[in-house]
Each structure stands twice: as structure tokens, then as C-alpha cells.
ModelCIF file with pLDDT and N, C-alpha, C, O atoms, coordinates in Angstrom:
data_MODEL
#
_entry.id   MODEL 
#
_entity.id                         1 
_entity.type                       polymer 
_entity.pdbx_number_of_molecules   1 
#
_entity_poly.entity_id                      1 
_entity_poly.type                           'polypeptide(L)' 
_entity_poly.nstd_linkage                   no 
_entity_poly.nstd_monomer                   no 
_entity_poly.pdbx_seq_one_letter_code       LVLIIASLTGIGQMQNSMTINQVYQCIDASADGSCPAGAPISPAAL 
_entity_poly.pdbx_seq_one_letter_code_can   LVLIIASLTGIGQMQNSMTINQVYQCIDASADGSCPAGAPISPAAL 
_entity_poly.pdbx_strand_id                 A 
#
loop_
_entity_poly_seq.entity_id 
_entity_poly_seq.num 
_entity_poly_seq.mon_id 
_entity_poly_seq.hetero 
1 1  LEU n 
1 2  VAL n 
1 3  LEU n 
1 4  ILE n 
1 5  ILE n 
1 6  ALA n 
1 7  SER n 
1 8  LEU n 
1 9  THR n 
1 10 GLY n 
1 11 ILE n 
1 12 GLY n 
1 13 GLN n 
1 14 MET n 
1 15 GLN n 
1 16 ASN n 
1 17 SER n 
1 18 MET n 
1 19 THR n 
1 20 ILE n 
1 21 ASN n 
1 22 GLN n 
1 23 VAL n 
1 24 TYR n 
1 25 GLN n 
1 26 CYS n 
1 27 ILE n 
1 28 ASP n 
1 29 ALA n 
1 30 SER n 
1 31 ALA n 
1 32 ASP n 
1 33 GLY n 
1 34 SER n 
1 35 CYS n 
1 36 PRO n 
1 37 ALA n 
1 38 GLY n 
1 39 ALA n 
1 40 PRO n 
1 41 ILE n 
1 42 SER n 
1 43 PRO n 
1 44 ALA n 
1 45 ALA n 
1 46 LEU n 
#
_struct_asym.id          A 
_struct_asym.entity_id   1 
#
loop_
_ma_qa_metric.id 
_ma_qa_metric.mode 
_ma_qa_metric.name 
_ma_qa_metric.software_group_id 
_ma_qa_metric.type 
1 global pLDDT . pLDDT 
2 local  pLDDT . pLDDT 
#
_ma_qa_metric_global.metric_id      1 
_ma_qa_metric_global.metric_value   83.07 
_ma_qa_metric_global.model_id       1 
_ma_qa_metric_global.ordinal_id     1 
#
loop_
_ma_qa_metric_local.label_asym_id 
_ma_qa_metric_local.label_comp_id 
_ma_qa_metric_local.label_seq_id 
_ma_qa_metric_local.metric_id 
_ma_qa_metric_local.metric_value 
_ma_qa_metric_local.model_id 
_ma_qa_metric_local.ordinal_id 
A LEU 1  2 95.00 1 1  
A VAL 2  2 95.00 1 2  
A LEU 3  2 94.00 1 3  
A ILE 4  2 94.00 1 4  
A ILE 5  2 94.00 1 5  
A ALA 6  2 92.00 1 6  
A SER 7  2 92.00 1 7  
A LEU 8  2 92.00 1 8  
A THR 9  2 92.00 1 9  
A GLY 10 2 88.00 1 10 
A ILE 11 2 87.00 1 11 
A GLY 12 2 84.00 1 12 
A GLN 13 2 80.00 1 13 
A MET 14 2 77.00 1 14 
A GLN 15 2 78.00 1 15 
A ASN 16 2 80.00 1 16 
A SER 17 2 83.00 1 17 
A MET 18 2 86.00 1 18 
A THR 19 2 89.00 1 19 
A ILE 20 2 89.00 1 20 
A ASN 21 2 89.00 1 21 
A GLN 22 2 87.00 1 22 
A VAL 23 2 88.00 1 23 
A TYR 24 2 87.00 1 24 
A GLN 25 2 86.00 1 25 
A CYS 26 2 82.00 1 26 
A ILE 27 2 78.00 1 27 
A ASP 28 2 71.00 1 28 
A ALA 29 2 66.00 1 29 
A SER 30 2 68.00 1 30 
A ALA 31 2 63.00 1 31 
A ASP 32 2 64.00 1 32 
A GLY 33 2 65.00 1 33 
A SER 34 2 72.00 1 34 
A CYS 35 2 76.00 1 35 
A PRO 36 2 75.00 1 36 
A ALA 37 2 75.00 1 37 
A GLY 38 2 74.00 1 38 
A ALA 39 2 78.00 1 39 
A PRO 40 2 83.00 1 40 
A ILE 41 2 87.00 1 41 
A SER 42 2 88.00 1 42 
A PRO 43 2 90.00 1 43 
A ALA 44 2 89.00 1 44 
A ALA 45 2 89.00 1 45 
A LEU 46 2 90.00 1 46 
#
loop_
_atom_site.group_PDB 
_atom_site.id 
_atom_site.type_symbol 
_atom_site.label_atom_id 
_atom_site.label_alt_id 
_atom_site.label_comp_id 
_atom_site.label_asym_id 
_atom_site.label_entity_id 
_atom_site.label_seq_id 
_atom_site.pdbx_PDB_ins_code 
_atom_site.Cartn_x 
_atom_site.Cartn_y 
_atom_site.Cartn_z 
_atom_site.occupancy 
_atom_site.B_iso_or_equiv 
_atom_site.pdbx_formal_charge 
_atom_site.auth_seq_id 
_atom_site.auth_comp_id 
_atom_site.auth_asym_id 
_atom_site.auth_atom_id 
_atom_site.pdbx_PDB_model_num 
ATOM 1   N N  . LEU A 1 1  ? 26.981 -32.371 8.330   1.00 95.00 ? 1  LEU A N  1 
ATOM 2   C CA . LEU A 1 1  ? 28.146 -32.709 7.067   1.00 95.00 ? 1  LEU A CA 1 
ATOM 3   C C  . LEU A 1 1  ? 28.503 -34.206 7.330   1.00 95.00 ? 1  LEU A C  1 
ATOM 4   O O  . LEU A 1 1  ? 28.548 -34.745 6.224   1.00 95.00 ? 1  LEU A O  1 
ATOM 5   N N  . VAL A 1 2  ? 28.742 -34.997 8.191   1.00 95.00 ? 2  VAL A N  1 
ATOM 6   C CA . VAL A 1 2  ? 29.094 -36.055 8.378   1.00 95.00 ? 2  VAL A CA 1 
ATOM 7   C C  . VAL A 1 2  ? 27.965 -36.969 7.775   1.00 95.00 ? 2  VAL A C  1 
ATOM 8   O O  . VAL A 1 2  ? 28.147 -37.781 6.867   1.00 95.00 ? 2  VAL A O  1 
ATOM 9   N N  . LEU A 1 3  ? 26.815 -36.729 8.387   1.00 94.00 ? 3  LEU A N  1 
ATOM 10  C CA . LEU A 1 3  ? 25.359 -37.481 8.343   1.00 94.00 ? 3  LEU A CA 1 
ATOM 11  C C  . LEU A 1 3  ? 25.036 -37.499 6.997   1.00 94.00 ? 3  LEU A C  1 
ATOM 12  O O  . LEU A 1 3  ? 24.869 -38.603 6.480   1.00 94.00 ? 3  LEU A O  1 
ATOM 13  N N  . ILE A 1 4  ? 24.893 -36.336 6.216   1.00 94.00 ? 4  ILE A N  1 
ATOM 14  C CA . ILE A 1 4  ? 24.707 -35.939 4.984   1.00 94.00 ? 4  ILE A CA 1 
ATOM 15  C C  . ILE A 1 4  ? 25.851 -36.642 3.738   1.00 94.00 ? 4  ILE A C  1 
ATOM 16  O O  . ILE A 1 4  ? 25.645 -37.113 2.619   1.00 94.00 ? 4  ILE A O  1 
ATOM 17  N N  . ILE A 1 5  ? 26.920 -36.470 4.433   1.00 94.00 ? 5  ILE A N  1 
ATOM 18  C CA . ILE A 1 5  ? 28.101 -37.203 3.214   1.00 94.00 ? 5  ILE A CA 1 
ATOM 19  C C  . ILE A 1 5  ? 27.779 -38.476 3.380   1.00 94.00 ? 5  ILE A C  1 
ATOM 20  O O  . ILE A 1 5  ? 27.599 -39.162 2.374   1.00 94.00 ? 5  ILE A O  1 
ATOM 21  N N  . ALA A 1 6  ? 27.631 -39.092 4.788   1.00 92.00 ? 6  ALA A N  1 
ATOM 22  C CA . ALA A 1 6  ? 27.575 -40.349 4.617   1.00 92.00 ? 6  ALA A CA 1 
ATOM 23  C C  . ALA A 1 6  ? 26.574 -41.227 4.092   1.00 92.00 ? 6  ALA A C  1 
ATOM 24  O O  . ALA A 1 6  ? 26.651 -42.455 4.047   1.00 92.00 ? 6  ALA A O  1 
ATOM 25  N N  . SER A 1 7  ? 25.726 -40.581 3.738   1.00 92.00 ? 7  SER A N  1 
ATOM 26  C CA . SER A 1 7  ? 24.190 -40.818 3.674   1.00 92.00 ? 7  SER A CA 1 
ATOM 27  C C  . SER A 1 7  ? 24.262 -41.329 1.867   1.00 92.00 ? 7  SER A C  1 
ATOM 28  O O  . SER A 1 7  ? 23.951 -42.421 1.393   1.00 92.00 ? 7  SER A O  1 
ATOM 29  N N  . LEU A 1 8  ? 24.863 -39.913 1.045   1.00 92.00 ? 8  LEU A N  1 
ATOM 30  C CA . LEU A 1 8  ? 24.940 -39.914 -0.202  1.00 92.00 ? 8  LEU A CA 1 
ATOM 31  C C  . LEU A 1 8  ? 25.961 -40.645 -0.945  1.00 92.00 ? 8  LEU A C  1 
ATOM 32  O O  . LEU A 1 8  ? 25.674 -41.373 -1.895  1.00 92.00 ? 8  LEU A O  1 
ATOM 33  N N  . THR A 1 9  ? 27.536 -40.401 -0.386  1.00 92.00 ? 9  THR A N  1 
ATOM 34  C CA . THR A 1 9  ? 28.656 -41.032 -0.798  1.00 92.00 ? 9  THR A CA 1 
ATOM 35  C C  . THR A 1 9  ? 28.447 -42.540 0.094   1.00 92.00 ? 9  THR A C  1 
ATOM 36  O O  . THR A 1 9  ? 28.924 -43.434 -0.605  1.00 92.00 ? 9  THR A O  1 
ATOM 37  N N  . GLY A 1 10 ? 28.091 -42.903 0.936   1.00 88.00 ? 10 GLY A N  1 
ATOM 38  C CA . GLY A 1 10 ? 28.427 -44.023 1.936   1.00 88.00 ? 10 GLY A CA 1 
ATOM 39  C C  . GLY A 1 10 ? 27.212 -45.208 1.056   1.00 88.00 ? 10 GLY A C  1 
ATOM 40  O O  . GLY A 1 10 ? 27.282 -46.352 0.607   1.00 88.00 ? 10 GLY A O  1 
ATOM 41  N N  . ILE A 1 11 ? 26.118 -44.096 1.163   1.00 87.00 ? 11 ILE A N  1 
ATOM 42  C CA . ILE A 1 11 ? 24.895 -45.545 0.517   1.00 87.00 ? 11 ILE A CA 1 
ATOM 43  C C  . ILE A 1 11 ? 24.282 -45.073 -0.598  1.00 87.00 ? 11 ILE A C  1 
ATOM 44  O O  . ILE A 1 11 ? 23.871 -45.862 -1.449  1.00 87.00 ? 11 ILE A O  1 
ATOM 45  N N  . GLY A 1 12 ? 24.161 -43.887 -0.717  1.00 84.00 ? 12 GLY A N  1 
ATOM 46  C CA . GLY A 1 12 ? 23.738 -43.508 -2.117  1.00 84.00 ? 12 GLY A CA 1 
ATOM 47  C C  . GLY A 1 12 ? 22.599 -42.588 -2.237  1.00 84.00 ? 12 GLY A C  1 
ATOM 48  O O  . GLY A 1 12 ? 22.078 -42.235 -1.179  1.00 84.00 ? 12 GLY A O  1 
ATOM 49  N N  . GLN A 1 13 ? 22.057 -42.080 -3.485  1.00 80.00 ? 13 GLN A N  1 
ATOM 50  C CA . GLN A 1 13 ? 20.843 -41.565 -3.966  1.00 80.00 ? 13 GLN A CA 1 
ATOM 51  C C  . GLN A 1 13 ? 20.189 -42.338 -4.787  1.00 80.00 ? 13 GLN A C  1 
ATOM 52  O O  . GLN A 1 13 ? 20.854 -43.095 -5.494  1.00 80.00 ? 13 GLN A O  1 
ATOM 53  N N  . MET A 1 14 ? 18.574 -42.339 -4.909  1.00 77.00 ? 14 MET A N  1 
ATOM 54  C CA . MET A 1 14 ? 18.074 -42.900 -5.770  1.00 77.00 ? 14 MET A CA 1 
ATOM 55  C C  . MET A 1 14 ? 17.926 -42.144 -6.752  1.00 77.00 ? 14 MET A C  1 
ATOM 56  O O  . MET A 1 14 ? 17.577 -40.972 -6.608  1.00 77.00 ? 14 MET A O  1 
ATOM 57  N N  . GLN A 1 15 ? 18.133 -42.612 -7.757  1.00 78.00 ? 15 GLN A N  1 
ATOM 58  C CA . GLN A 1 15 ? 18.712 -41.797 -9.007  1.00 78.00 ? 15 GLN A CA 1 
ATOM 59  C C  . GLN A 1 15 ? 17.873 -42.696 -10.444 1.00 78.00 ? 15 GLN A C  1 
ATOM 60  O O  . GLN A 1 15 ? 17.310 -43.772 -10.241 1.00 78.00 ? 15 GLN A O  1 
ATOM 61  N N  . ASN A 1 16 ? 17.914 -42.120 -11.690 1.00 80.00 ? 16 ASN A N  1 
ATOM 62  C CA . ASN A 1 16 ? 17.418 -43.012 -12.513 1.00 80.00 ? 16 ASN A CA 1 
ATOM 63  C C  . ASN A 1 16 ? 19.012 -43.481 -12.967 1.00 80.00 ? 16 ASN A C  1 
ATOM 64  O O  . ASN A 1 16 ? 20.104 -42.917 -13.042 1.00 80.00 ? 16 ASN A O  1 
ATOM 65  N N  . SER A 1 17 ? 18.489 -44.816 -13.214 1.00 83.00 ? 17 SER A N  1 
ATOM 66  C CA . SER A 1 17 ? 19.538 -45.432 -14.165 1.00 83.00 ? 17 SER A CA 1 
ATOM 67  C C  . SER A 1 17 ? 19.523 -45.418 -15.494 1.00 83.00 ? 17 SER A C  1 
ATOM 68  O O  . SER A 1 17 ? 18.636 -44.826 -16.111 1.00 83.00 ? 17 SER A O  1 
ATOM 69  N N  . MET A 1 18 ? 20.246 -45.898 -15.930 1.00 86.00 ? 18 MET A N  1 
ATOM 70  C CA . MET A 1 18 ? 20.530 -45.773 -18.171 1.00 86.00 ? 18 MET A CA 1 
ATOM 71  C C  . MET A 1 18 ? 19.709 -47.081 -18.509 1.00 86.00 ? 18 MET A C  1 
ATOM 72  O O  . MET A 1 18 ? 19.874 -47.582 -19.622 1.00 86.00 ? 18 MET A O  1 
ATOM 73  N N  . THR A 1 19 ? 18.519 -47.872 -17.287 1.00 89.00 ? 19 THR A N  1 
ATOM 74  C CA . THR A 1 19 ? 17.830 -49.154 -17.796 1.00 89.00 ? 19 THR A CA 1 
ATOM 75  C C  . THR A 1 19 ? 16.633 -48.853 -17.966 1.00 89.00 ? 19 THR A C  1 
ATOM 76  O O  . THR A 1 19 ? 16.127 -48.274 -17.005 1.00 89.00 ? 19 THR A O  1 
ATOM 77  N N  . ILE A 1 20 ? 16.000 -49.024 -18.815 1.00 89.00 ? 20 ILE A N  1 
ATOM 78  C CA . ILE A 1 20 ? 14.223 -49.057 -19.281 1.00 89.00 ? 20 ILE A CA 1 
ATOM 79  C C  . ILE A 1 20 ? 13.894 -49.838 -18.292 1.00 89.00 ? 20 ILE A C  1 
ATOM 80  O O  . ILE A 1 20 ? 14.349 -50.882 -17.825 1.00 89.00 ? 20 ILE A O  1 
ATOM 81  N N  . ASN A 1 21 ? 12.509 -48.736 -17.917 1.00 89.00 ? 21 ASN A N  1 
ATOM 82  C CA . ASN A 1 21 ? 11.560 -49.814 -16.879 1.00 89.00 ? 21 ASN A CA 1 
ATOM 83  C C  . ASN A 1 21 ? 10.734 -50.191 -17.090 1.00 89.00 ? 21 ASN A C  1 
ATOM 84  O O  . ASN A 1 21 ? 10.207 -51.100 -16.448 1.00 89.00 ? 21 ASN A O  1 
ATOM 85  N N  . GLN A 1 22 ? 10.130 -49.482 -18.386 1.00 87.00 ? 22 GLN A N  1 
ATOM 86  C CA . GLN A 1 22 ? 8.606  -49.150 -19.253 1.00 87.00 ? 22 GLN A CA 1 
ATOM 87  C C  . GLN A 1 22 ? 8.915  -48.320 -20.187 1.00 87.00 ? 22 GLN A C  1 
ATOM 88  O O  . GLN A 1 22 ? 9.726  -47.405 -20.046 1.00 87.00 ? 22 GLN A O  1 
ATOM 89  N N  . VAL A 1 23 ? 8.344  -48.553 -21.128 1.00 88.00 ? 23 VAL A N  1 
ATOM 90  C CA . VAL A 1 23 ? 8.125  -47.889 -22.823 1.00 88.00 ? 23 VAL A CA 1 
ATOM 91  C C  . VAL A 1 23 ? 6.893  -47.691 -22.858 1.00 88.00 ? 23 VAL A C  1 
ATOM 92  O O  . VAL A 1 23 ? 6.050  -48.572 -23.029 1.00 88.00 ? 23 VAL A O  1 
ATOM 93  N N  . TYR A 1 24 ? 6.630  -46.237 -22.662 1.00 87.00 ? 24 TYR A N  1 
ATOM 94  C CA . TYR A 1 24 ? 5.168  -45.745 -22.790 1.00 87.00 ? 24 TYR A CA 1 
ATOM 95  C C  . TYR A 1 24 ? 4.573  -45.697 -24.014 1.00 87.00 ? 24 TYR A C  1 
ATOM 96  O O  . TYR A 1 24 ? 5.277  -44.979 -24.724 1.00 87.00 ? 24 TYR A O  1 
ATOM 97  N N  . GLN A 1 25 ? 3.508  -46.154 -24.695 1.00 86.00 ? 25 GLN A N  1 
ATOM 98  C CA . GLN A 1 25 ? 3.166  -46.353 -25.801 1.00 86.00 ? 25 GLN A CA 1 
ATOM 99  C C  . GLN A 1 25 ? 2.731  -44.838 -26.512 1.00 86.00 ? 25 GLN A C  1 
ATOM 100 O O  . GLN A 1 25 ? 2.521  -44.722 -27.720 1.00 86.00 ? 25 GLN A O  1 
ATOM 101 N N  . CYS A 1 26 ? 2.665  -44.023 -25.803 1.00 82.00 ? 26 CYS A N  1 
ATOM 102 C CA . CYS A 1 26 ? 2.073  -42.766 -25.982 1.00 82.00 ? 26 CYS A CA 1 
ATOM 103 C C  . CYS A 1 26 ? 2.759  -41.487 -25.217 1.00 82.00 ? 26 CYS A C  1 
ATOM 104 O O  . CYS A 1 26 ? 3.150  -41.635 -24.059 1.00 82.00 ? 26 CYS A O  1 
ATOM 105 N N  . ILE A 1 27 ? 2.893  -40.256 -25.874 1.00 78.00 ? 27 ILE A N  1 
ATOM 106 C CA . ILE A 1 27 ? 3.399  -39.591 -24.543 1.00 78.00 ? 27 ILE A CA 1 
ATOM 107 C C  . ILE A 1 27 ? 2.496  -39.353 -23.618 1.00 78.00 ? 27 ILE A C  1 
ATOM 108 O O  . ILE A 1 27 ? 2.960  -39.311 -22.478 1.00 78.00 ? 27 ILE A O  1 
ATOM 109 N N  . ASP A 1 28 ? 0.975  -39.123 -23.754 1.00 71.00 ? 28 ASP A N  1 
ATOM 110 C CA . ASP A 1 28 ? 0.326  -38.371 -22.836 1.00 71.00 ? 28 ASP A CA 1 
ATOM 111 C C  . ASP A 1 28 ? -0.130 -39.985 -21.991 1.00 71.00 ? 28 ASP A C  1 
ATOM 112 O O  . ASP A 1 28 ? -1.256 -40.143 -21.519 1.00 71.00 ? 28 ASP A O  1 
ATOM 113 N N  . ALA A 1 29 ? 0.619  -40.731 -21.945 1.00 66.00 ? 29 ALA A N  1 
ATOM 114 C CA . ALA A 1 29 ? 0.110  -41.661 -20.980 1.00 66.00 ? 29 ALA A CA 1 
ATOM 115 C C  . ALA A 1 29 ? -0.405 -41.576 -19.539 1.00 66.00 ? 29 ALA A C  1 
ATOM 116 O O  . ALA A 1 29 ? 0.031  -40.696 -18.797 1.00 66.00 ? 29 ALA A O  1 
ATOM 117 N N  . SER A 1 30 ? -1.062 -42.214 -19.237 1.00 68.00 ? 30 SER A N  1 
ATOM 118 C CA . SER A 1 30 ? -1.452 -42.204 -17.455 1.00 68.00 ? 30 SER A CA 1 
ATOM 119 C C  . SER A 1 30 ? -0.528 -42.924 -17.016 1.00 68.00 ? 30 SER A C  1 
ATOM 120 O O  . SER A 1 30 ? 0.198  -43.643 -17.704 1.00 68.00 ? 30 SER A O  1 
ATOM 121 N N  . ALA A 1 31 ? -0.472 -42.728 -15.381 1.00 63.00 ? 31 ALA A N  1 
ATOM 122 C CA . ALA A 1 31 ? 0.020  -43.170 -14.454 1.00 63.00 ? 31 ALA A CA 1 
ATOM 123 C C  . ALA A 1 31 ? 0.833  -44.747 -14.510 1.00 63.00 ? 31 ALA A C  1 
ATOM 124 O O  . ALA A 1 31 ? 2.009  -45.079 -14.368 1.00 63.00 ? 31 ALA A O  1 
ATOM 125 N N  . ASP A 1 32 ? -0.887 -45.769 -14.889 1.00 64.00 ? 32 ASP A N  1 
ATOM 126 C CA . ASP A 1 32 ? -0.362 -46.889 -15.411 1.00 64.00 ? 32 ASP A CA 1 
ATOM 127 C C  . ASP A 1 32 ? -0.298 -47.262 -16.907 1.00 64.00 ? 32 ASP A C  1 
ATOM 128 O O  . ASP A 1 32 ? -0.468 -48.398 -17.352 1.00 64.00 ? 32 ASP A O  1 
ATOM 129 N N  . GLY A 1 33 ? -0.050 -46.242 -17.563 1.00 65.00 ? 33 GLY A N  1 
ATOM 130 C CA . GLY A 1 33 ? 0.429  -46.432 -18.740 1.00 65.00 ? 33 GLY A CA 1 
ATOM 131 C C  . GLY A 1 33 ? -0.618 -46.646 -20.128 1.00 65.00 ? 33 GLY A C  1 
ATOM 132 O O  . GLY A 1 33 ? -0.260 -47.016 -21.246 1.00 65.00 ? 33 GLY A O  1 
ATOM 133 N N  . SER A 1 34 ? -1.935 -46.311 -19.706 1.00 72.00 ? 34 SER A N  1 
ATOM 134 C CA . SER A 1 34 ? -2.720 -46.432 -20.909 1.00 72.00 ? 34 SER A CA 1 
ATOM 135 C C  . SER A 1 34 ? -3.108 -45.087 -21.808 1.00 72.00 ? 34 SER A C  1 
ATOM 136 O O  . SER A 1 34 ? -3.187 -43.940 -21.367 1.00 72.00 ? 34 SER A O  1 
ATOM 137 N N  . CYS A 1 35 ? -3.219 -45.302 -22.495 1.00 76.00 ? 35 CYS A N  1 
ATOM 138 C CA . CYS A 1 35 ? -3.314 -43.872 -23.516 1.00 76.00 ? 35 CYS A CA 1 
ATOM 139 C C  . CYS A 1 35 ? -4.334 -43.109 -23.690 1.00 76.00 ? 35 CYS A C  1 
ATOM 140 O O  . CYS A 1 35 ? -5.210 -43.960 -23.843 1.00 76.00 ? 35 CYS A O  1 
ATOM 141 N N  . PRO A 1 36 ? -4.856 -42.098 -23.777 1.00 75.00 ? 36 PRO A N  1 
ATOM 142 C CA . PRO A 1 36 ? -6.269 -41.695 -24.279 1.00 75.00 ? 36 PRO A CA 1 
ATOM 143 C C  . PRO A 1 36 ? -6.061 -42.168 -25.747 1.00 75.00 ? 36 PRO A C  1 
ATOM 144 O O  . PRO A 1 36 ? -5.102 -42.785 -26.210 1.00 75.00 ? 36 PRO A O  1 
ATOM 145 N N  . ALA A 1 37 ? -7.131 -41.754 -26.338 1.00 75.00 ? 37 ALA A N  1 
ATOM 146 C CA . ALA A 1 37 ? -7.836 -41.952 -27.909 1.00 75.00 ? 37 ALA A CA 1 
ATOM 147 C C  . ALA A 1 37 ? -7.122 -40.958 -28.327 1.00 75.00 ? 37 ALA A C  1 
ATOM 148 O O  . ALA A 1 37 ? -6.869 -39.907 -27.739 1.00 75.00 ? 37 ALA A O  1 
ATOM 149 N N  . GLY A 1 38 ? -6.692 -41.427 -29.703 1.00 74.00 ? 38 GLY A N  1 
ATOM 150 C CA . GLY A 1 38 ? -5.942 -40.321 -30.655 1.00 74.00 ? 38 GLY A CA 1 
ATOM 151 C C  . GLY A 1 38 ? -4.784 -39.918 -30.018 1.00 74.00 ? 38 GLY A C  1 
ATOM 152 O O  . GLY A 1 38 ? -4.527 -38.775 -30.395 1.00 74.00 ? 38 GLY A O  1 
ATOM 153 N N  . ALA A 1 39 ? -3.938 -40.338 -29.200 1.00 78.00 ? 39 ALA A N  1 
ATOM 154 C CA . ALA A 1 39 ? -3.010 -39.997 -28.607 1.00 78.00 ? 39 ALA A CA 1 
ATOM 155 C C  . ALA A 1 39 ? -1.920 -40.134 -29.174 1.00 78.00 ? 39 ALA A C  1 
ATOM 156 O O  . ALA A 1 39 ? -1.871 -41.352 -29.347 1.00 78.00 ? 39 ALA A O  1 
ATOM 157 N N  . PRO A 1 40 ? -0.619 -39.525 -29.756 1.00 83.00 ? 40 PRO A N  1 
ATOM 158 C CA . PRO A 1 40 ? 0.189  -39.850 -30.739 1.00 83.00 ? 40 PRO A CA 1 
ATOM 159 C C  . PRO A 1 40 ? 1.251  -40.848 -30.055 1.00 83.00 ? 40 PRO A C  1 
ATOM 160 O O  . PRO A 1 40 ? 1.518  -40.713 -28.860 1.00 83.00 ? 40 PRO A O  1 
ATOM 161 N N  . ILE A 1 41 ? 1.836  -41.824 -30.816 1.00 87.00 ? 41 ILE A N  1 
ATOM 162 C CA . ILE A 1 41 ? 3.119  -42.735 -30.659 1.00 87.00 ? 41 ILE A CA 1 
ATOM 163 C C  . ILE A 1 41 ? 3.747  -42.277 -30.240 1.00 87.00 ? 41 ILE A C  1 
ATOM 164 O O  . ILE A 1 41 ? 4.009  -41.168 -30.705 1.00 87.00 ? 41 ILE A O  1 
ATOM 165 N N  . SER A 1 42 ? 4.581  -42.804 -28.896 1.00 88.00 ? 42 SER A N  1 
ATOM 166 C CA . SER A 1 42 ? 5.678  -41.938 -28.459 1.00 88.00 ? 42 SER A CA 1 
ATOM 167 C C  . SER A 1 42 ? 7.122  -42.340 -29.133 1.00 88.00 ? 42 SER A C  1 
ATOM 168 O O  . SER A 1 42 ? 7.283  -43.366 -29.794 1.00 88.00 ? 42 SER A O  1 
ATOM 169 N N  . PRO A 1 43 ? 8.008  -41.501 -28.897 1.00 90.00 ? 43 PRO A N  1 
ATOM 170 C CA . PRO A 1 43 ? 9.074  -41.861 -29.702 1.00 90.00 ? 43 PRO A CA 1 
ATOM 171 C C  . PRO A 1 43 ? 9.621  -43.125 -30.024 1.00 90.00 ? 43 PRO A C  1 
ATOM 172 O O  . PRO A 1 43 ? 9.870  -43.726 -31.069 1.00 90.00 ? 43 PRO A O  1 
ATOM 173 N N  . ALA A 1 44 ? 9.797  -43.475 -28.145 1.00 89.00 ? 44 ALA A N  1 
ATOM 174 C CA . ALA A 1 44 ? 10.498 -45.023 -27.668 1.00 89.00 ? 44 ALA A CA 1 
ATOM 175 C C  . ALA A 1 44 ? 9.819  -46.158 -28.431 1.00 89.00 ? 44 ALA A C  1 
ATOM 176 O O  . ALA A 1 44 ? 10.521 -47.026 -28.948 1.00 89.00 ? 44 ALA A O  1 
ATOM 177 N N  . ALA A 1 45 ? 8.288  -46.201 -28.544 1.00 89.00 ? 45 ALA A N  1 
ATOM 178 C CA . ALA A 1 45 ? 7.558  -47.211 -29.227 1.00 89.00 ? 45 ALA A CA 1 
ATOM 179 C C  . ALA A 1 45 ? 8.158  -46.998 -30.435 1.00 89.00 ? 45 ALA A C  1 
ATOM 180 O O  . ALA A 1 45 ? 8.920  -47.895 -30.795 1.00 89.00 ? 45 ALA A O  1 
ATOM 181 N N  . LEU A 1 46 ? 8.026  -46.061 -31.161 1.00 90.00 ? 46 LEU A N  1 
ATOM 182 C CA . LEU A 1 46 ? 8.316  -45.800 -32.742 1.00 90.00 ? 46 LEU A CA 1 
ATOM 183 C C  . LEU A 1 46 ? 9.693  -46.329 -32.954 1.00 90.00 ? 46 LEU A C  1 
ATOM 184 O O  . LEU A 1 46 ? 10.209 -46.276 -34.070 1.00 90.00 ? 46 LEU A O  1 
#
């Protein structure tokens, strides 16, 4: 219990922040951000 609480409270847990790191140009973007032909534009890009 002590080690788990120390890890989560004292150091923290990797979580998503509220800062945008990358905007994908389409919904079905690959891991590198590229879009297949004809893929609809993502809401964030629009």
C-alpha cells in the first residue's frame, strides 16, 4: 500500500494533459499521422 500510494501520489501517474500534442487531419489517421485516400477530415482539423 505504501509503495503504490507513494508512486501515485508522490510521483504521479502518466495521464493525458489538456494540451494538444498533435492534430490529426482525418479520423482514420495512421500512427505517423498520414491519412488514407478519401478519409474524411477530422473534427479538430475542421
